[in-house]
Amino acid sequence: MANRNLRLALWSGTNFTGRRIVIRRGGVAVRELGAFQFDNVLSSFRLSNVVQSTQVTLVLFSQTNFHGSFRVFRGSQSVANLGSLNFDNVTSSFVLVGRRLTNEEIARIQRTGIPPRDVLIIRQ
């Protein structure tokens, strides 16, 4: 089970401050962050695969249902300020998987609105 070792913490403030959402299950596709009352407020995050640090991909989308502009993060990492990537307070949906998604897979998700098969899908 590639997805069970994933960890994702999302913060509403820069430098890991403000309101926080923690996902420990991994393998998650959130169609609308409004489901958590977290739409357009993401400012920082910590992402990791605790077993294989390179085997994780997080894709943030600016619109619901995995549409709009996006930013891709591969491998375990911390991002203290999404503003430095021109993506502060714009995330409306995301996909988190325990492997490295290819650019082609990400383009397909964005085009079809369908996440990878082996993930939990959260709708509003």
PDB file of N, CA and C in Angstrom:
ATOM      1  N   MET A   1       0.827  -1.194   0.000  1.00  0.00           N
ATOM      2  CA  MET A   1       0.000   0.000   0.000  1.00  0.00           C
ATOM      3  C   MET A   1       0.860   1.243   0.000  1.00  0.00           C
ATOM      4  N   ALA A   2       1.073   1.814  -1.144  1.00  0.00           N
ATOM      5  CA  ALA A   2       1.977   2.954  -1.295  1.00  0.00           C
ATOM      6  C   ALA A   2       1.487   4.197  -0.576  1.00  0.00           C
ATOM      7  N   ASN A   3       0.203   4.307  -0.375  1.00  0.00           N
ATOM      8  CA  ASN A   3      -0.336   5.550   0.144  1.00  0.00           C
ATOM      9  C   ASN A   3      -0.385   5.651   1.662  1.00  0.00           C
ATOM     10  N   ARG A   4      -0.209   4.574   2.392  1.00  0.00           N
ATOM     11  CA  ARG A   4      -0.450   4.652   3.836  1.00  0.00           C
ATOM     12  C   ARG A   4       0.637   5.385   4.621  1.00  0.00           C
ATOM     13  N   ASN A   5       1.771   5.642   4.049  1.00  0.00           N
ATOM     14  CA  ASN A   5       2.870   6.293   4.764  1.00  0.00           C
ATOM     15  C   ASN A   5       2.978   7.788   4.499  1.00  0.00           C
ATOM     16  N   LEU A   6       1.938   8.374   3.947  1.00  0.00           N
ATOM     17  CA  LEU A   6       1.968   9.788   3.593  1.00  0.00           C
ATOM     18  C   LEU A   6       1.504  10.655   4.752  1.00  0.00           C
ATOM     19  N   ARG A   7       2.079  11.842   4.812  1.00  0.00           N
ATOM     20  CA  ARG A   7       1.679  12.852   5.799  1.00  0.00           C
ATOM     21  C   ARG A   7       1.607  14.195   5.093  1.00  0.00           C
ATOM     22  N   LEU A   8       0.524  14.919   5.342  1.00  0.00           N
ATOM     23  CA  LEU A   8       0.357  16.255   4.777  1.00  0.00           C
ATOM     24  C   LEU A   8      -0.263  17.143   5.837  1.00  0.00           C
ATOM     25  N   ALA A   9       0.375  18.266   6.105  1.00  0.00           N
ATOM     26  CA  ALA A   9      -0.184  19.275   6.999  1.00  0.00           C
ATOM     27  C   ALA A   9      -0.305  20.565   6.205  1.00  0.00           C
ATOM     28  N   LEU A  10      -1.495  21.142   6.224  1.00  0.00           N
ATOM     29  CA  LEU A  10      -1.792  22.384   5.506  1.00  0.00           C
ATOM     30  C   LEU A  10      -2.048  23.482   6.524  1.00  0.00           C
ATOM     31  N   TRP A  11      -1.513  24.688   6.287  1.00  0.00           N
ATOM     32  CA  TRP A  11      -1.737  25.822   7.179  1.00  0.00           C
ATOM     33  C   TRP A  11      -2.328  26.997   6.412  1.00  0.00           C
ATOM     34  N   SER A  12      -3.152  27.763   7.108  1.00  0.00           N
ATOM     35  CA  SER A  12      -3.749  28.954   6.511  1.00  0.00           C
ATOM     36  C   SER A  12      -2.792  30.141   6.519  1.00  0.00           C
ATOM     37  N   GLY A  13      -1.784  30.111   7.374  1.00  0.00           N
ATOM     38  CA  GLY A  13      -0.809  31.193   7.448  1.00  0.00           C
ATOM     39  C   GLY A  13       0.547  30.776   6.918  1.00  0.00           C
ATOM     40  N   THR A  14       1.364  31.767   6.572  1.00  0.00           N
ATOM     41  CA  THR A  14       2.730  31.470   6.152  1.00  0.00           C
ATOM     42  C   THR A  14       3.532  30.977   7.352  1.00  0.00           C
ATOM     43  N   ASN A  15       4.651  30.344   7.079  1.00  0.00           N
ATOM     44  CA  ASN A  15       5.551  29.833   8.120  1.00  0.00           C
ATOM     45  C   ASN A  15       4.854  28.894   9.083  1.00  0.00           C
ATOM     46  N   PHE A  16       3.897  28.086   8.549  1.00  0.00           N
ATOM     47  CA  PHE A  16       3.250  27.023   9.306  1.00  0.00           C
ATOM     48  C   PHE A  16       2.486  27.555  10.519  1.00  0.00           C
ATOM     49  N   THR A  17       1.718  28.622  10.281  1.00  0.00           N
ATOM     50  CA  THR A  17       0.928  29.241  11.336  1.00  0.00           C
ATOM     51  C   THR A  17      -0.545  29.253  10.930  1.00  0.00           C
ATOM     52  N   GLY A  18      -1.391  29.609  11.853  1.00  0.00           N
ATOM     53  CA  GLY A  18      -2.818  29.715  11.577  1.00  0.00           C
ATOM     54  C   GLY A  18      -3.516  28.377  11.681  1.00  0.00           C
ATOM     55  N   ARG A  19      -4.661  28.306  11.063  1.00  0.00           N
ATOM     56  CA  ARG A  19      -5.462  27.082  11.091  1.00  0.00           C
ATOM     57  C   ARG A  19      -4.743  25.967  10.350  1.00  0.00           C
ATOM     58  N   ARG A  20      -4.867  24.728  10.873  1.00  0.00           N
ATOM     59  CA  ARG A  20      -4.136  23.594  10.301  1.00  0.00           C
ATOM     60  C   ARG A  20      -5.064  22.423  10.022  1.00  0.00           C
ATOM     61  N   ILE A  21      -4.806  21.756   8.925  1.00  0.00           N
ATOM     62  CA  ILE A  21      -5.464  20.495   8.587  1.00  0.00           C
ATOM     63  C   ILE A  21      -4.361  19.469   8.410  1.00  0.00           C
ATOM     64  N   VAL A  22      -4.512  18.300   9.049  1.00  0.00           N
ATOM     65  CA  VAL A  22      -3.512  17.234   8.953  1.00  0.00           C
ATOM     66  C   VAL A  22      -4.149  16.013   8.312  1.00  0.00           C
ATOM     67  N   ILE A  23      -3.465  15.467   7.316  1.00  0.00           N
ATOM     68  CA  ILE A  23      -3.909  14.241   6.644  1.00  0.00           C
ATOM     69  C   ILE A  23      -2.823  13.196   6.851  1.00  0.00           C
ATOM     70  N   ARG A  24      -3.195  12.101   7.488  1.00  0.00           N
ATOM     71  CA  ARG A  24      -2.220  11.039   7.768  1.00  0.00           C
ATOM     72  C   ARG A  24      -2.478   9.787   6.948  1.00  0.00           C
ATOM     73  N   ARG A  25      -3.587   9.713   6.300  1.00  0.00           N
ATOM     74  CA  ARG A  25      -3.927   8.543   5.527  1.00  0.00           C
ATOM     75  C   ARG A  25      -3.140   8.485   4.234  1.00  0.00           C
ATOM     76  N   GLY A  26      -3.028   9.617   3.571  1.00  0.00           N
ATOM     77  CA  GLY A  26      -2.403   9.652   2.258  1.00  0.00           C
ATOM     78  C   GLY A  26      -3.383   9.203   1.199  1.00  0.00           C
ATOM     79  N   GLY A  27      -2.988   9.292  -0.042  1.00  0.00           N
ATOM     80  CA  GLY A  27      -3.846   8.881  -1.128  1.00  0.00           C
ATOM     81  C   GLY A  27      -5.194   9.561  -1.088  1.00  0.00           C
ATOM     82  N   VAL A  28      -5.197  10.892  -1.181  1.00  0.00           N
ATOM     83  CA  VAL A  28      -6.421  11.672  -1.043  1.00  0.00           C
ATOM     84  C   VAL A  28      -6.553  12.638  -2.214  1.00  0.00           C
ATOM     85  N   ALA A  29      -7.791  12.771  -2.703  1.00  0.00           N
ATOM     86  CA  ALA A  29      -8.113  13.777  -3.707  1.00  0.00           C
ATOM     87  C   ALA A  29      -9.275  14.588  -3.152  1.00  0.00           C
ATOM     88  N   VAL A  30      -9.036  15.859  -2.884  1.00  0.00           N
ATOM     89  CA  VAL A  30     -10.076  16.729  -2.332  1.00  0.00           C
ATOM     90  C   VAL A  30     -10.598  17.608  -3.463  1.00  0.00           C
ATOM     91  N   ARG A  31     -11.837  17.365  -3.871  1.00  0.00           N
ATOM     92  CA  ARG A  31     -12.439  18.098  -4.991  1.00  0.00           C
ATOM     93  C   ARG A  31     -12.727  19.552  -4.657  1.00  0.00           C
ATOM     94  N   GLU A  32     -13.081  19.812  -3.373  1.00  0.00           N
ATOM     95  CA  GLU A  32     -13.399  21.175  -2.953  1.00  0.00           C
ATOM     96  C   GLU A  32     -12.900  21.385  -1.534  1.00  0.00           C
ATOM     97  N   LEU A  33     -11.908  22.236  -1.374  1.00  0.00           N
ATOM     98  CA  LEU A  33     -11.419  22.522  -0.021  1.00  0.00           C
ATOM     99  C   LEU A  33     -12.473  23.231   0.825  1.00  0.00           C
ATOM    100  N   GLY A  34     -13.530  23.707   0.197  1.00  0.00           N
ATOM    101  CA  GLY A  34     -14.656  24.253   0.935  1.00  0.00           C
ATOM    102  C   GLY A  34     -15.266  23.222   1.879  1.00  0.00           C
ATOM    103  N   ALA A  35     -15.070  21.929   1.593  1.00  0.00           N
ATOM    104  CA  ALA A  35     -15.556  20.865   2.469  1.00  0.00           C
ATOM    105  C   ALA A  35     -14.939  20.983   3.864  1.00  0.00           C
ATOM    106  N   PHE A  36     -13.754  21.592   3.940  1.00  0.00           N
ATOM    107  CA  PHE A  36     -13.060  21.806   5.215  1.00  0.00           C
ATOM    108  C   PHE A  36     -13.062  23.278   5.622  1.00  0.00           C
ATOM    109  N   GLN A  37     -13.832  24.082   4.905  1.00  0.00           N
ATOM    110  CA  GLN A  37     -13.819  25.532   5.084  1.00  0.00           C
ATOM    111  C   GLN A  37     -12.382  26.059   4.961  1.00  0.00           C
ATOM    112  N   PHE A  38     -11.693  25.587   3.923  1.00  0.00           N
ATOM    113  CA  PHE A  38     -10.287  25.906   3.709  1.00  0.00           C
ATOM    114  C   PHE A  38     -10.029  26.363   2.269  1.00  0.00           C
ATOM    115  N   ASP A  39     -11.088  26.741   1.562  1.00  0.00           N
ATOM    116  CA  ASP A  39     -10.957  27.165   0.166  1.00  0.00           C
ATOM    117  C   ASP A  39     -10.249  28.510   0.080  1.00  0.00           C
ATOM    118  N   ASN A  40      -9.234  28.581  -0.758  1.00  0.00           N
ATOM    119  CA  ASN A  40      -8.478  29.818  -1.012  1.00  0.00           C
ATOM    120  C   ASN A  40      -7.810  30.403   0.225  1.00  0.00           C
ATOM    121  N   VAL A  41      -7.358  29.556   1.152  1.00  0.00           N
ATOM    122  CA  VAL A  41      -6.647  30.069   2.333  1.00  0.00           C
ATOM    123  C   VAL A  41      -5.294  29.396   2.553  1.00  0.00           C
ATOM    124  N   LEU A  42      -4.945  28.402   1.757  1.00  0.00           N
ATOM    125  CA  LEU A  42      -3.685  27.678   1.967  1.00  0.00           C
ATOM    126  C   LEU A  42      -2.481  28.579   1.713  1.00  0.00           C
ATOM    127  N   SER A  43      -1.587  28.656   2.717  1.00  0.00           N
ATOM    128  CA  SER A  43      -0.389  29.503   2.593  1.00  0.00           C
ATOM    129  C   SER A  43       0.917  28.748   2.808  1.00  0.00           C
ATOM    130  N   SER A  44       0.882  27.604   3.519  1.00  0.00           N
ATOM    131  CA  SER A  44       2.097  26.825   3.749  1.00  0.00           C
ATOM    132  C   SER A  44       1.713  25.369   3.998  1.00  0.00           C
ATOM    133  N   PHE A  45       2.685  24.463   3.803  1.00  0.00           N
ATOM    134  CA  PHE A  45       2.408  23.044   4.041  1.00  0.00           C
ATOM    135  C   PHE A  45       3.697  22.270   4.291  1.00  0.00           C
ATOM    136  N   ARG A  46       3.515  21.092   4.887  1.00  0.00           N
ATOM    137  CA  ARG A  46       4.593  20.109   5.046  1.00  0.00           C
ATOM    138  C   ARG A  46       4.087  18.804   4.440  1.00  0.00           C
ATOM    139  N   LEU A  47       4.915  18.205   3.607  1.00  0.00           N
ATOM    140  CA  LEU A  47       4.564  17.018   2.846  1.00  0.00           C
ATOM    141  C   LEU A  47       5.637  15.969   3.053  1.00  0.00           C
ATOM    142  N   SER A  48       5.231  14.715   3.336  1.00  0.00           N
ATOM    143  CA  SER A  48       6.251  13.677   3.460  1.00  0.00           C
ATOM    144  C   SER A  48       5.688  12.289   3.217  1.00  0.00           C
ATOM    145  N   ASN A  49       6.570  11.428   2.777  1.00  0.00           N
ATOM    146  CA  ASN A  49       6.362   9.988   2.781  1.00  0.00           C
ATOM    147  C   ASN A  49       7.378   9.492   3.790  1.00  0.00           C
ATOM    148  N   VAL A  50       6.925   8.956   4.904  1.00  0.00           N
ATOM    149  CA  VAL A  50       7.826   8.630   6.010  1.00  0.00           C
ATOM    150  C   VAL A  50       8.683   7.399   5.747  1.00  0.00           C
ATOM    151  N   VAL A  51       8.399   6.635   4.694  1.00  0.00           N
ATOM    152  CA  VAL A  51       9.187   5.456   4.356  1.00  0.00           C
ATOM    153  C   VAL A  51      10.102   5.713   3.165  1.00  0.00           C
ATOM    154  N   GLN A  52       9.555   6.276   2.091  1.00  0.00           N
ATOM    155  CA  GLN A  52      10.329   6.581   0.881  1.00  0.00           C
ATOM    156  C   GLN A  52      10.102   8.045   0.546  1.00  0.00           C
ATOM    157  N   SER A  53      11.026   8.890   0.969  1.00  0.00           N
ATOM    158  CA  SER A  53      10.812  10.340   0.887  1.00  0.00           C
ATOM    159  C   SER A  53      10.586  10.862  -0.534  1.00  0.00           C
ATOM    160  N   THR A  54      11.044  10.165  -1.539  1.00  0.00           N
ATOM    161  CA  THR A  54      10.864  10.644  -2.913  1.00  0.00           C
ATOM    162  C   THR A  54       9.518  10.230  -3.505  1.00  0.00           C
ATOM    163  N   GLN A  55       8.844   9.288  -2.873  1.00  0.00           N
ATOM    164  CA  GLN A  55       7.627   8.713  -3.443  1.00  0.00           C
ATOM    165  C   GLN A  55       6.362   9.388  -2.914  1.00  0.00           C
ATOM    166  N   VAL A  56       6.211  10.645  -3.263  1.00  0.00           N
ATOM    167  CA  VAL A  56       5.005  11.393  -2.916  1.00  0.00           C
ATOM    168  C   VAL A  56       4.850  12.549  -3.893  1.00  0.00           C
ATOM    169  N   THR A  57       3.602  12.796  -4.297  1.00  0.00           N
ATOM    170  CA  THR A  57       3.298  13.930  -5.161  1.00  0.00           C
ATOM    171  C   THR A  57       2.070  14.643  -4.609  1.00  0.00           C
ATOM    172  N   LEU A  58       2.173  15.962  -4.512  1.00  0.00           N
ATOM    173  CA  LEU A  58       1.053  16.814  -4.147  1.00  0.00           C
ATOM    174  C   LEU A  58       0.827  17.784  -5.297  1.00  0.00           C
ATOM    175  N   VAL A  59      -0.406  17.833  -5.805  1.00  0.00           N
ATOM    176  CA  VAL A  59      -0.754  18.778  -6.856  1.00  0.00           C
ATOM    177  C   VAL A  59      -1.853  19.685  -6.310  1.00  0.00           C
ATOM    178  N   LEU A  60      -1.559  20.984  -6.257  1.00  0.00           N
ATOM    179  CA  LEU A  60      -2.526  21.985  -5.811  1.00  0.00           C
ATOM    180  C   LEU A  60      -3.150  22.626  -7.035  1.00  0.00           C
ATOM    181  N   PHE A  61      -4.484  22.750  -7.035  1.00  0.00           N
ATOM    182  CA  PHE A  61      -5.209  23.350  -8.149  1.00  0.00           C
ATOM    183  C   PHE A  61      -5.913  24.614  -7.685  1.00  0.00           C
ATOM    184  N   SER A  62      -5.997  25.610  -8.558  1.00  0.00           N
ATOM    185  CA  SER A  62      -6.614  26.889  -8.204  1.00  0.00           C
ATOM    186  C   SER A  62      -8.139  26.856  -8.284  1.00  0.00           C
ATOM    187  N   GLN A  63      -8.694  25.845  -8.927  1.00  0.00           N
ATOM    188  CA  GLN A  63     -10.146  25.727  -9.025  1.00  0.00           C
ATOM    189  C   GLN A  63     -10.599  24.386  -8.472  1.00  0.00           C
ATOM    190  N   THR A  64     -11.881  24.269  -8.181  1.00  0.00           N
ATOM    191  CA  THR A  64     -12.419  23.008  -7.692  1.00  0.00           C
ATOM    192  C   THR A  64     -12.346  21.944  -8.779  1.00  0.00           C
ATOM    193  N   ASN A  65     -12.497  20.694  -8.353  1.00  0.00           N
ATOM    194  CA  ASN A  65     -12.511  19.546  -9.268  1.00  0.00           C
ATOM    195  C   ASN A  65     -11.239  19.415 -10.095  1.00  0.00           C
ATOM    196  N   PHE A  66     -10.110  19.868  -9.525  1.00  0.00           N
ATOM    197  CA  PHE A  66      -8.784  19.686 -10.130  1.00  0.00           C
ATOM    198  C   PHE A  66      -8.611  20.448 -11.439  1.00  0.00           C
ATOM    199  N   HIS A  67      -9.205  21.622 -11.513  1.00  0.00           N
ATOM    200  CA  HIS A  67      -9.090  22.465 -12.700  1.00  0.00           C
ATOM    201  C   HIS A  67      -8.324  23.744 -12.360  1.00  0.00           C
ATOM    202  N   GLY A  68      -8.083  24.549 -13.368  1.00  0.00           N
ATOM    203  CA  GLY A  68      -7.390  25.819 -13.187  1.00  0.00           C
ATOM    204  C   GLY A  68      -5.882  25.644 -13.219  1.00  0.00           C
ATOM    205  N   SER A  69      -5.189  26.680 -12.797  1.00  0.00           N
ATOM    206  CA  SER A  69      -3.733  26.591 -12.741  1.00  0.00           C
ATOM    207  C   SER A  69      -3.345  25.661 -11.598  1.00  0.00           C
ATOM    208  N   PHE A  70      -2.104  25.166 -11.634  1.00  0.00           N
ATOM    209  CA  PHE A  70      -1.690  24.214 -10.605  1.00  0.00           C
ATOM    210  C   PHE A  70      -0.205  24.330 -10.309  1.00  0.00           C
ATOM    211  N   ARG A  71       0.173  23.782  -9.169  1.00  0.00           N
ATOM    212  CA  ARG A  71       1.575  23.673  -8.765  1.00  0.00           C
ATOM    213  C   ARG A  71       1.801  22.230  -8.328  1.00  0.00           C
ATOM    214  N   VAL A  72       2.942  21.670  -8.716  1.00  0.00           N
ATOM    215  CA  VAL A  72       3.272  20.282  -8.424  1.00  0.00           C
ATOM    216  C   VAL A  72       4.453  20.232  -7.458  1.00  0.00           C
ATOM    217  N   PHE A  73       4.339  19.380  -6.451  1.00  0.00           N
ATOM    218  CA  PHE A  73       5.405  19.182  -5.470  1.00  0.00           C
ATOM    219  C   PHE A  73       5.680  17.688  -5.388  1.00  0.00           C
ATOM    220  N   ARG A  74       6.895  17.306  -5.745  1.00  0.00           N
ATOM    221  CA  ARG A  74       7.292  15.896  -5.724  1.00  0.00           C
ATOM    222  C   ARG A  74       8.363  15.702  -4.673  1.00  0.00           C
ATOM    223  N   GLY A  75       8.207  14.671  -3.866  1.00  0.00           N
ATOM    224  CA  GLY A  75       9.160  14.378  -2.812  1.00  0.00           C
ATOM    225  C   GLY A  75       8.817  15.114  -1.527  1.00  0.00           C
ATOM    226  N   SER A  76       9.285  14.569  -0.411  1.00  0.00           N
ATOM    227  CA  SER A  76       9.032  15.166   0.901  1.00  0.00           C
ATOM    228  C   SER A  76       9.629  16.561   0.952  1.00  0.00           C
ATOM    229  N   GLN A  77       8.861  17.527   1.466  1.00  0.00           N
ATOM    230  CA  GLN A  77       9.331  18.903   1.540  1.00  0.00           C
ATOM    231  C   GLN A  77       8.410  19.759   2.395  1.00  0.00           C
ATOM    232  N   SER A  78       8.924  20.903   2.772  1.00  0.00           N
ATOM    233  CA  SER A  78       8.144  21.907   3.486  1.00  0.00           C
ATOM    234  C   SER A  78       8.177  23.189   2.669  1.00  0.00           C
ATOM    235  N   VAL A  79       7.019  23.810   2.525  1.00  0.00           N
ATOM    236  CA  VAL A  79       6.920  25.096   1.817  1.00  0.00           C
ATOM    237  C   VAL A  79       6.321  26.086   2.810  1.00  0.00           C
ATOM    238  N   ALA A  80       7.128  27.031   3.252  1.00  0.00           N
ATOM    239  CA  ALA A  80       6.715  27.977   4.292  1.00  0.00           C
ATOM    240  C   ALA A  80       5.883  29.137   3.761  1.00  0.00           C
ATOM    241  N   ASN A  81       5.960  29.396   2.448  1.00  0.00           N
ATOM    242  CA  ASN A  81       5.240  30.542   1.904  1.00  0.00           C
ATOM    243  C   ASN A  81       4.899  30.281   0.435  1.00  0.00           C
ATOM    244  N   LEU A  82       3.659  29.892   0.171  1.00  0.00           N
ATOM    245  CA  LEU A  82       3.238  29.676  -1.212  1.00  0.00           C
ATOM    246  C   LEU A  82       3.230  30.970  -2.019  1.00  0.00           C
ATOM    247  N   GLY A  83       3.271  32.106  -1.344  1.00  0.00           N
ATOM    248  CA  GLY A  83       3.354  33.382  -2.040  1.00  0.00           C
ATOM    249  C   GLY A  83       4.615  33.489  -2.873  1.00  0.00           C
ATOM    250  N   SER A  84       5.684  32.850  -2.432  1.00  0.00           N
ATOM    251  CA  SER A  84       6.931  32.878  -3.197  1.00  0.00           C
ATOM    252  C   SER A  84       6.796  32.127  -4.519  1.00  0.00           C
ATOM    253  N   LEU A  85       5.739  31.313  -4.636  1.00  0.00           N
ATOM    254  CA  LEU A  85       5.451  30.570  -5.864  1.00  0.00           C
ATOM    255  C   LEU A  85       4.202  31.112  -6.564  1.00  0.00           C
ATOM    256  N   ASN A  86       3.775  32.311  -6.149  1.00  0.00           N
ATOM    257  CA  ASN A  86       2.560  32.944  -6.688  1.00  0.00           C
ATOM    258  C   ASN A  86       1.336  32.039  -6.568  1.00  0.00           C
ATOM    259  N   PHE A  87       1.224  31.344  -5.412  1.00  0.00           N
ATOM    260  CA  PHE A  87       0.091  30.438  -5.222  1.00  0.00           C
ATOM    261  C   PHE A  87      -0.486  30.543  -3.814  1.00  0.00           C
ATOM    262  N   ASP A  88      -0.302  31.691  -3.162  1.00  0.00           N
ATOM    263  CA  ASP A  88      -0.825  31.899  -1.820  1.00  0.00           C
ATOM    264  C   ASP A  88      -2.320  32.198  -1.874  1.00  0.00           C
ATOM    265  N   ASN A  89      -3.079  31.525  -1.035  1.00  0.00           N
ATOM    266  CA  ASN A  89      -4.523  31.758  -0.907  1.00  0.00           C
ATOM    267  C   ASN A  89      -5.299  31.544  -2.204  1.00  0.00           C
ATOM    268  N   VAL A  90      -4.890  30.576  -3.021  1.00  0.00           N
ATOM    269  CA  VAL A  90      -5.626  30.302  -4.261  1.00  0.00           C
ATOM    270  C   VAL A  90      -6.045  28.834  -4.414  1.00  0.00           C
ATOM    271  N   THR A  91      -5.592  27.941  -3.550  1.00  0.00           N
ATOM    272  CA  THR A  91      -5.868  26.509  -3.713  1.00  0.00           C
ATOM    273  C   THR A  91      -7.323  26.186  -3.392  1.00  0.00           C
ATOM    274  N   SER A  92      -7.976  25.511  -4.343  1.00  0.00           N
ATOM    275  CA  SER A  92      -9.365  25.087  -4.151  1.00  0.00           C
ATOM    276  C   SER A  92      -9.543  23.571  -4.180  1.00  0.00           C
ATOM    277  N   SER A  93      -8.560  22.844  -4.700  1.00  0.00           N
ATOM    278  CA  SER A  93      -8.609  21.382  -4.705  1.00  0.00           C
ATOM    279  C   SER A  93      -7.180  20.853  -4.778  1.00  0.00           C
ATOM    280  N   PHE A  94      -6.996  19.582  -4.412  1.00  0.00           N
ATOM    281  CA  PHE A  94      -5.664  18.987  -4.506  1.00  0.00           C
ATOM    282  C   PHE A  94      -5.735  17.474  -4.632  1.00  0.00           C
ATOM    283  N   VAL A  95      -4.611  16.904  -5.101  1.00  0.00           N
ATOM    284  CA  VAL A  95      -4.432  15.467  -5.202  1.00  0.00           C
ATOM    285  C   VAL A  95      -3.131  15.128  -4.492  1.00  0.00           C
ATOM    286  N   LEU A  96      -3.172  14.105  -3.635  1.00  0.00           N
ATOM    287  CA  LEU A  96      -2.004  13.619  -2.894  1.00  0.00           C
ATOM    288  C   LEU A  96      -1.884  12.119  -3.126  1.00  0.00           C
ATOM    289  N   VAL A  97      -0.737  11.675  -3.648  1.00  0.00           N
ATOM    290  CA  VAL A  97      -0.519  10.241  -3.882  1.00  0.00           C
ATOM    291  C   VAL A  97       0.871   9.822  -3.422  1.00  0.00           C
ATOM    292  N   GLY A  98       1.013   8.536  -3.138  1.00  0.00           N
ATOM    293  CA  GLY A  98       2.271   7.988  -2.649  1.00  0.00           C
ATOM    294  C   GLY A  98       3.177   7.466  -3.736  1.00  0.00           C
ATOM    295  N   ARG A  99       3.298   8.223  -4.790  1.00  0.00           N
ATOM    296  CA  ARG A  99       4.219   7.919  -5.890  1.00  0.00           C
ATOM    297  C   ARG A  99       4.466   9.211  -6.651  1.00  0.00           C
ATOM    298  N   ARG A 100       5.348   9.153  -7.623  1.00  0.00           N
ATOM    299  CA  ARG A 100       5.640  10.339  -8.418  1.00  0.00           C
ATOM    300  C   ARG A 100       4.725  10.354  -9.638  1.00  0.00           C
ATOM    301  N   LEU A 101       3.752  11.266  -9.635  1.00  0.00           N
ATOM    302  CA  LEU A 101       2.894  11.423 -10.800  1.00  0.00           C
ATOM    303  C   LEU A 101       3.691  12.057 -11.936  1.00  0.00           C
ATOM    304  N   THR A 102       3.461  11.585 -13.141  1.00  0.00           N
ATOM    305  CA  THR A 102       4.123  12.179 -14.305  1.00  0.00           C
ATOM    306  C   THR A 102       3.369  13.435 -14.722  1.00  0.00           C
ATOM    307  N   ASN A 103       4.001  14.253 -15.532  1.00  0.00           N
ATOM    308  CA  ASN A 103       3.346  15.443 -16.072  1.00  0.00           C
ATOM    309  C   ASN A 103       2.122  15.060 -16.901  1.00  0.00           C
ATOM    310  N   GLU A 104       2.211  13.937 -17.619  1.00  0.00           N
ATOM    311  CA  GLU A 104       1.087  13.471 -18.425  1.00  0.00           C
ATOM    312  C   GLU A 104      -0.090  13.069 -17.540  1.00  0.00           C
ATOM    313  N   GLU A 105       0.178  12.393 -16.431  1.00  0.00           N
ATOM    314  CA  GLU A 105      -0.895  12.012 -15.510  1.00  0.00           C
ATOM    315  C   GLU A 105      -1.569  13.250 -14.908  1.00  0.00           C
ATOM    316  N   ILE A 106      -0.774  14.237 -14.570  1.00  0.00           N
ATOM    317  CA  ILE A 106      -1.322  15.471 -13.995  1.00  0.00           C
ATOM    318  C   ILE A 106      -2.171  16.208 -15.028  1.00  0.00           C
ATOM    319  N   ALA A 107      -1.707  16.263 -16.269  1.00  0.00           N
ATOM    320  CA  ALA A 107      -2.481  16.904 -17.335  1.00  0.00           C
ATOM    321  C   ALA A 107      -3.814  16.184 -17.539  1.00  0.00           C
ATOM    322  N   ARG A 108      -3.814  14.856 -17.437  1.00  0.00           N
ATOM    323  CA  ARG A 108      -5.046  14.086 -17.589  1.00  0.00           C
ATOM    324  C   ARG A 108      -6.012  14.384 -16.438  1.00  0.00           C
ATOM    325  N   ILE A 109      -5.500  14.471 -15.216  1.00  0.00           N
ATOM    326  CA  ILE A 109      -6.342  14.808 -14.062  1.00  0.00           C
ATOM    327  C   ILE A 109      -6.975  16.175 -14.277  1.00  0.00           C
ATOM    328  N   GLN A 110      -6.180  17.140 -14.704  1.00  0.00           N
ATOM    329  CA  GLN A 110      -6.694  18.492 -14.915  1.00  0.00           C
ATOM    330  C   GLN A 110      -7.727  18.527 -16.044  1.00  0.00           C
ATOM    331  N   ARG A 111      -7.463  17.800 -17.112  1.00  0.00           N
ATOM    332  CA  ARG A 111      -8.360  17.798 -18.265  1.00  0.00           C
ATOM    333  C   ARG A 111      -9.687  17.097 -17.959  1.00  0.00           C
ATOM    334  N   THR A 112      -9.632  15.956 -17.253  1.00  0.00           N
ATOM    335  CA  THR A 112     -10.832  15.145 -17.033  1.00  0.00           C
ATOM    336  C   THR A 112     -11.500  15.385 -15.686  1.00  0.00           C
ATOM    337  N   GLY A 113     -10.747  15.913 -14.713  1.00  0.00           N
ATOM    338  CA  GLY A 113     -11.288  16.061 -13.363  1.00  0.00           C
ATOM    339  C   GLY A 113     -11.362  14.746 -12.617  1.00  0.00           C
ATOM    340  N   ILE A 114     -10.669  13.728 -13.121  1.00  0.00           N
ATOM    341  CA  ILE A 114     -10.693  12.401 -12.502  1.00  0.00           C
ATOM    342  C   ILE A 114      -9.331  12.116 -11.873  1.00  0.00           C
ATOM    343  N   PRO A 115      -9.283  11.908 -10.541  1.00  0.00           N
ATOM    344  CA  PRO A 115      -8.014  11.623  -9.875  1.00  0.00           C
ATOM    345  C   PRO A 115      -7.574  10.176 -10.101  1.00  0.00           C
ATOM    346  N   PRO A 116      -6.358   9.814  -9.687  1.00  0.00           N
ATOM    347  CA  PRO A 116      -5.911   8.419  -9.789  1.00  0.00           C
ATOM    348  C   PRO A 116      -6.883   7.487  -9.056  1.00  0.00           C
ATOM    349  N   ARG A 117      -6.898   6.235  -9.444  1.00  0.00           N
ATOM    350  CA  ARG A 117      -7.855   5.263  -8.914  1.00  0.00           C
ATOM    351  C   ARG A 117      -7.684   4.928  -7.441  1.00  0.00           C
ATOM    352  N   ASP A 118      -6.478   4.864  -6.951  1.00  0.00           N
ATOM    353  CA  ASP A 118      -6.232   4.324  -5.616  1.00  0.00           C
ATOM    354  C   ASP A 118      -6.250   5.379  -4.512  1.00  0.00           C
ATOM    355  N   VAL A 119      -7.097   6.371  -4.634  1.00  0.00           N
ATOM    356  CA  VAL A 119      -7.153   7.435  -3.624  1.00  0.00           C
ATOM    357  C   VAL A 119      -8.569   7.616  -3.088  1.00  0.00           C
ATOM    358  N   LEU A 120      -8.652   8.128  -1.882  1.00  0.00           N
ATOM    359  CA  LEU A 120      -9.927   8.498  -1.288  1.00  0.00           C
ATOM    360  C   LEU A 120     -10.342   9.838  -1.886  1.00  0.00           C
ATOM    361  N   ILE A 121     -11.551   9.929  -2.403  1.00  0.00           N
ATOM    362  CA  ILE A 121     -12.040  11.165  -3.002  1.00  0.00           C
ATOM    363  C   ILE A 121     -12.965  11.852  -2.014  1.00  0.00           C
ATOM    364  N   ILE A 122     -12.671  13.108  -1.701  1.00  0.00           N
ATOM    365  CA  ILE A 122     -13.499  13.885  -0.777  1.00  0.00           C
ATOM    366  C   ILE A 122     -14.202  14.959  -1.576  1.00  0.00           C
ATOM    367  N   ARG A 123     -15.522  14.951  -1.464  1.00  0.00           N
ATOM    368  CA  ARG A 123     -16.351  15.959  -2.122  1.00  0.00           C
ATOM    369  C   ARG A 123     -16.965  16.836  -1.056  1.00  0.00           C
ATOM    370  N   GLN A 124     -17.528  17.943  -1.468  1.00  0.00           N
ATOM    371  CA  GLN A 124     -18.188  18.801  -0.484  1.00  0.00           C
ATOM    372  C   GLN A 124     -19.550  18.252  -0.142  1.00  0.00           C
TER     373      GLN A 124
END
